[in-house]
C-alpha atoms as a PDB file:
ATOM      1  CA  MET A   1      28.746  15.651 -34.108  1.00  0.00           C
ATOM      2  CA  LYS A   2      31.759  13.420 -33.678  1.00  0.00           C
ATOM      3  CA  LEU A   3      31.288   9.679 -32.965  1.00  0.00           C
ATOM      4  CA  GLN A   4      33.098   9.990 -29.668  1.00  0.00           C
ATOM      5  CA  THR A   5      30.703  12.763 -28.502  1.00  0.00           C
ATOM      6  CA  LYS A   6      27.628  10.650 -29.570  1.00  0.00           C
ATOM      7  CA  ILE A   7      29.078   7.596 -27.630  1.00  0.00           C
ATOM      8  CA  ALA A   8      29.812   9.646 -24.482  1.00  0.00           C
ATOM      9  CA  ALA A   9      26.280  11.191 -24.617  1.00  0.00           C
ATOM     10  CA  THR A  10      24.611   7.814 -24.909  1.00  0.00           C
ATOM     11  CA  LEU A  11      26.600   6.311 -22.062  1.00  0.00           C
ATOM     12  CA  ALA A  12      25.813   9.312 -19.840  1.00  0.00           C
ATOM     13  CA  ALA A  13      22.088   8.872 -20.517  1.00  0.00           C
ATOM     14  CA  LEU A  14      22.295   5.258 -19.780  1.00  0.00           C
ATOM     15  CA  VAL A  15      24.109   5.814 -16.457  1.00  0.00           C
ATOM     16  CA  LEU A  16      21.547   8.447 -15.455  1.00  0.00           C
ATOM     17  CA  ALA A  17      18.712   6.133 -16.214  1.00  0.00           C
ATOM     18  CA  ALA A  18      20.273   3.176 -14.532  1.00  0.00           C
ATOM     19  CA  VAL A  19      21.045   4.923 -11.181  1.00  0.00           C
ATOM     20  CA  PRO A  20      17.477   5.597 -10.102  1.00  0.00           C
ATOM     21  CA  ALA A  21      16.492   2.040 -11.047  1.00  0.00           C
ATOM     22  CA  THR A  22      19.106   0.396  -8.852  1.00  0.00           C
ATOM     23  CA  VAL A  23      18.250   2.666  -5.964  1.00  0.00           C
ATOM     24  CA  ALA A  24      14.531   1.956  -6.245  1.00  0.00           C
ATOM     25  CA  ALA A  25      15.197  -1.797  -6.499  1.00  0.00           C
ATOM     26  CA  THR A  26      16.821  -1.974  -3.054  1.00  0.00           C
ATOM     27  CA  PRO A  27      14.438  -1.483  -0.110  1.00  0.00           C
ATOM     28  CA  PRO A  28      15.509   0.788   2.777  1.00  0.00           C
ATOM     29  CA  ALA A  29      17.171  -0.995   5.615  1.00  0.00           C
ATOM     30  CA  GLY A  30      14.505  -2.772   7.924  1.00  0.00           C
ATOM     31  CA  HIS A  31      11.786  -2.571   5.294  1.00  0.00           C
ATOM     32  CA  GLY A  32      12.345  -5.709   3.285  1.00  0.00           C
ATOM     33  CA  PRO A  33       9.984  -8.527   2.856  1.00  0.00           C
ATOM     34  CA  GLU A  34      10.782  -9.811   6.320  1.00  0.00           C
ATOM     35  CA  TYR A  35       9.768  -6.517   7.909  1.00  0.00           C
ATOM     36  CA  ASN A  36       6.253  -6.804   9.098  1.00  0.00           C
ATOM     37  CA  PRO A  37       5.773  -4.835  12.324  1.00  0.00           C
ATOM     38  CA  ALA A  38       2.621  -5.475  14.417  1.00  0.00           C
ATOM     39  CA  PRO A  39       0.158  -2.707  14.024  1.00  0.00           C
ATOM     40  CA  GLU A  40       0.310  -0.655  17.132  1.00  0.00           C
ATOM     41  CA  LYS A  41      -3.031   0.198  18.857  1.00  0.00           C
ATOM     42  CA  PRO A  42      -3.024   3.805  19.723  1.00  0.00           C
ATOM     43  CA  GLU A  43      -2.901   4.546  23.481  1.00  0.00           C
ATOM     44  CA  THR A  44      -6.067   6.104  24.767  1.00  0.00           C
ATOM     45  CA  PRO A  45      -5.466   8.990  27.144  1.00  0.00           C
ATOM     46  CA  GLY A  46      -6.615   8.569  30.678  1.00  0.00           C
ATOM     47  CA  PRO A  47      -8.775  10.843  32.815  1.00  0.00           C
ATOM     48  CA  SER A  48      -5.796  12.890  34.039  1.00  0.00           C
ATOM     49  CA  ALA A  49      -4.555  13.719  30.529  1.00  0.00           C
ATOM     50  CA  GLY A  50      -4.955  17.165  29.093  1.00  0.00           C
ATOM     51  CA  MET A  51      -7.981  18.288  27.344  1.00  0.00           C
ATOM     52  CA  PRO A  52      -6.543  18.399  23.774  1.00  0.00           C
ATOM     53  CA  GLU A  53      -5.400  14.799  23.883  1.00  0.00           C
ATOM     54  CA  LYS A  54      -8.782  13.666  25.254  1.00  0.00           C
ATOM     55  CA  ALA A  55     -10.705  15.814  22.767  1.00  0.00           C
ATOM     56  CA  LYS A  56      -8.881  14.180  19.868  1.00  0.00           C
ATOM     57  CA  ALA A  57      -9.502  10.660  21.145  1.00  0.00           C
ATOM     58  CA  TYR A  58     -12.912  10.916  22.478  1.00  0.00           C
ATOM     59  CA  GLY A  59     -14.333  13.922  20.624  1.00  0.00           C
ATOM     60  CA  VAL A  60     -15.894  11.613  18.003  1.00  0.00           C
ATOM     61  CA  TYR A  61     -18.271  10.190  20.592  1.00  0.00           C
ATOM     62  CA  CYS A  62     -19.128  13.654  21.888  1.00  0.00           C
ATOM     63  CA  LYS A  63     -19.594  15.489  18.613  1.00  0.00           C
ATOM     64  CA  ASP A  64     -23.235  16.010  19.220  1.00  0.00           C
ATOM     65  CA  GLN A  65     -22.622  17.837  22.624  1.00  0.00           C
ATOM     66  CA  SER A  66     -22.740  21.667  22.942  1.00  0.00           C
ATOM     67  CA  LYS A  67     -19.460  23.572  23.207  1.00  0.00           C
ATOM     68  CA  LYS A  68     -21.103  26.558  24.896  1.00  0.00           C
ATOM     69  CA  HIS A  69     -20.502  27.143  28.521  1.00  0.00           C
ATOM     70  CA  VAL A  70     -23.602  26.814  30.850  1.00  0.00           C
ATOM     71  CA  ASP A  71     -23.695  29.040  33.918  1.00  0.00           C
ATOM     72  CA  GLY A  72     -23.313  27.119  37.119  1.00  0.00           C
ATOM     73  CA  GLN A  73     -21.739  23.980  35.494  1.00  0.00           C
ATOM     74  CA  LYS A  74     -18.148  23.013  35.471  1.00  0.00           C
ATOM     75  CA  GLY A  75     -16.916  23.017  31.883  1.00  0.00           C
ATOM     76  CA  THR A  76     -19.024  22.741  28.693  1.00  0.00           C
ATOM     77  CA  PRO A  77     -21.191  19.769  27.937  1.00  0.00           C
ATOM     78  CA  PHE A  78     -18.561  18.636  25.332  1.00  0.00           C
ATOM     79  CA  SER A  79     -15.707  18.708  27.877  1.00  0.00           C
ATOM     80  CA  GLN A  80     -17.885  16.843  30.493  1.00  0.00           C
ATOM     81  CA  CYS A  81     -18.589  14.244  27.878  1.00  0.00           C
ATOM     82  CA  VAL A  82     -14.994  13.849  26.900  1.00  0.00           C
ATOM     83  CA  ASN A  83     -14.071  13.407  30.584  1.00  0.00           C
ATOM     84  CA  ALA A  84     -16.801  10.856  30.944  1.00  0.00           C
ATOM     85  CA  MET A  85     -15.522   8.965  27.974  1.00  0.00           C
ATOM     86  CA  ALA A  86     -11.952   8.965  29.368  1.00  0.00           C
ATOM     87  CA  LYS A  87     -13.211   7.596  32.729  1.00  0.00           C
ATOM     88  CA  ALA A  88     -15.285   4.892  30.873  1.00  0.00           C
ATOM     89  CA  ALA A  89     -12.513   3.897  28.524  1.00  0.00           C
ATOM     90  CA  ASN A  90     -10.065   3.160  31.364  1.00  0.00           C
ATOM     91  CA  ASN A  91     -12.485   1.618  33.795  1.00  0.00           C
ATOM     92  CA  GLU A  92     -14.468  -1.390  32.437  1.00  0.00           C
ATOM     93  CA  LYS A  93     -16.459  -1.769  35.643  1.00  0.00           C
ATOM     94  CA  LEU A  94     -17.750   1.874  35.489  1.00  0.00           C
ATOM     95  CA  THR A  95     -21.252   1.903  34.117  1.00  0.00           C
ATOM     96  CA  PRO A  96     -22.124   4.486  31.471  1.00  0.00           C
ATOM     97  CA  GLY A  97     -24.597   6.136  33.707  1.00  0.00           C
ATOM     98  CA  LYS A  98     -22.083   6.582  36.493  1.00  0.00           C
ATOM     99  CA  ALA A  99     -19.497   7.970  34.018  1.00  0.00           C
ATOM    100  CA  CYS A 100     -21.915  10.567  32.737  1.00  0.00           C
ATOM    101  CA  LYS A 101     -23.565  11.372  36.094  1.00  0.00           C
ATOM    102  CA  GLY A 102     -22.559  15.095  36.072  1.00  0.00           C
ATOM    103  CA  MET A 103     -24.296  15.791  32.662  1.00  0.00           C
ATOM    104  CA  SER A 104     -27.565  17.615  32.459  1.00  0.00           C
ATOM    105  CA  LYS A 105     -30.771  15.643  32.237  1.00  0.00           C
ATOM    106  CA  LYS A 106     -32.869  18.628  31.085  1.00  0.00           C
ATOM    107  CA  HIS A 107     -34.302  18.413  27.501  1.00  0.00           C
ATOM    108  CA  VAL A 108     -33.232  21.200  25.214  1.00  0.00           C
ATOM    109  CA  LYS A 109     -35.880  22.166  22.684  1.00  0.00           C
ATOM    110  CA  GLY A 110     -34.759  21.221  19.192  1.00  0.00           C
ATOM    111  CA  GLN A 111     -32.221  18.593  20.221  1.00  0.00           C
ATOM    112  CA  LYS A 112     -32.631  14.903  20.228  1.00  0.00           C
ATOM    113  CA  GLY A 113     -32.342  13.523  23.789  1.00  0.00           C
ATOM    114  CA  THR A 114     -30.626  15.048  26.799  1.00  0.00           C
ATOM    115  CA  ALA A 115     -26.926  15.689  27.265  1.00  0.00           C
ATOM    116  CA  PHE A 116     -26.868  12.727  29.608  1.00  0.00           C
ATOM    117  CA  SER A 117     -28.528  10.430  27.260  1.00  0.00           C
ATOM    118  CA  ARG A 118     -26.244  11.394  24.413  1.00  0.00           C
ATOM    119  CA  CYS A 119     -23.247  10.813  26.741  1.00  0.00           C
ATOM    120  CA  VAL A 120     -24.476   7.402  27.672  1.00  0.00           C
ATOM    121  CA  ASN A 121     -24.978   6.427  23.925  1.00  0.00           C
ATOM    122  CA  GLY A 122     -21.445   7.707  23.289  1.00  0.00           C
ATOM    123  CA  VAL A 123     -19.963   5.438  26.056  1.00  0.00           C
ATOM    124  CA  ALA A 124     -21.845   2.467  24.643  1.00  0.00           C
ATOM    125  CA  LYS A 125     -20.266   3.202  21.217  1.00  0.00           C
ATOM    126  CA  LEU A 126     -16.933   3.617  22.720  1.00  0.00           C
ATOM    127  CA  ARG A 127     -17.119   0.328  24.460  1.00  0.00           C
ATOM    128  CA  LYS A 128     -18.276  -1.321  21.274  1.00  0.00           C
ATOM    129  CA  ASP A 129     -15.376   0.101  19.326  1.00  0.00           C
ATOM    130  CA  GLN A 130     -12.925  -1.092  22.140  1.00  0.00           C
ATOM    131  CA  GLN A 131     -14.131  -4.620  21.800  1.00  0.00           C
ATOM    132  CA  ALA A 132     -13.705  -4.666  18.102  1.00  0.00           C
END
């Protein structure tokens, strides 16, 4: 191999190694050391929002509710609970009992508490998380 070819190959390798290093050294625009955005608190959907948005936001507090439809009731216990969470999250003066008033108070064998009591506990946890 000729000396000129060796020098050209070495220079090419150095250039290829240096380009990624210089690109990585410069931060993208707006993301330098002075860039420190305030963490945004996610908006909680209100009572009039669609069910998918509310289920994602409040489903954590209603995960112990049944998702099977009960004859004679509007919606499933899970959807009723999610709606109660949305009402309670957006109205501080609404008591947990009033938010969950449409929930069943009948005890189901094999489950801990009633749908109403689990909903009230969920509202209490939601309020605690909102304060934190």
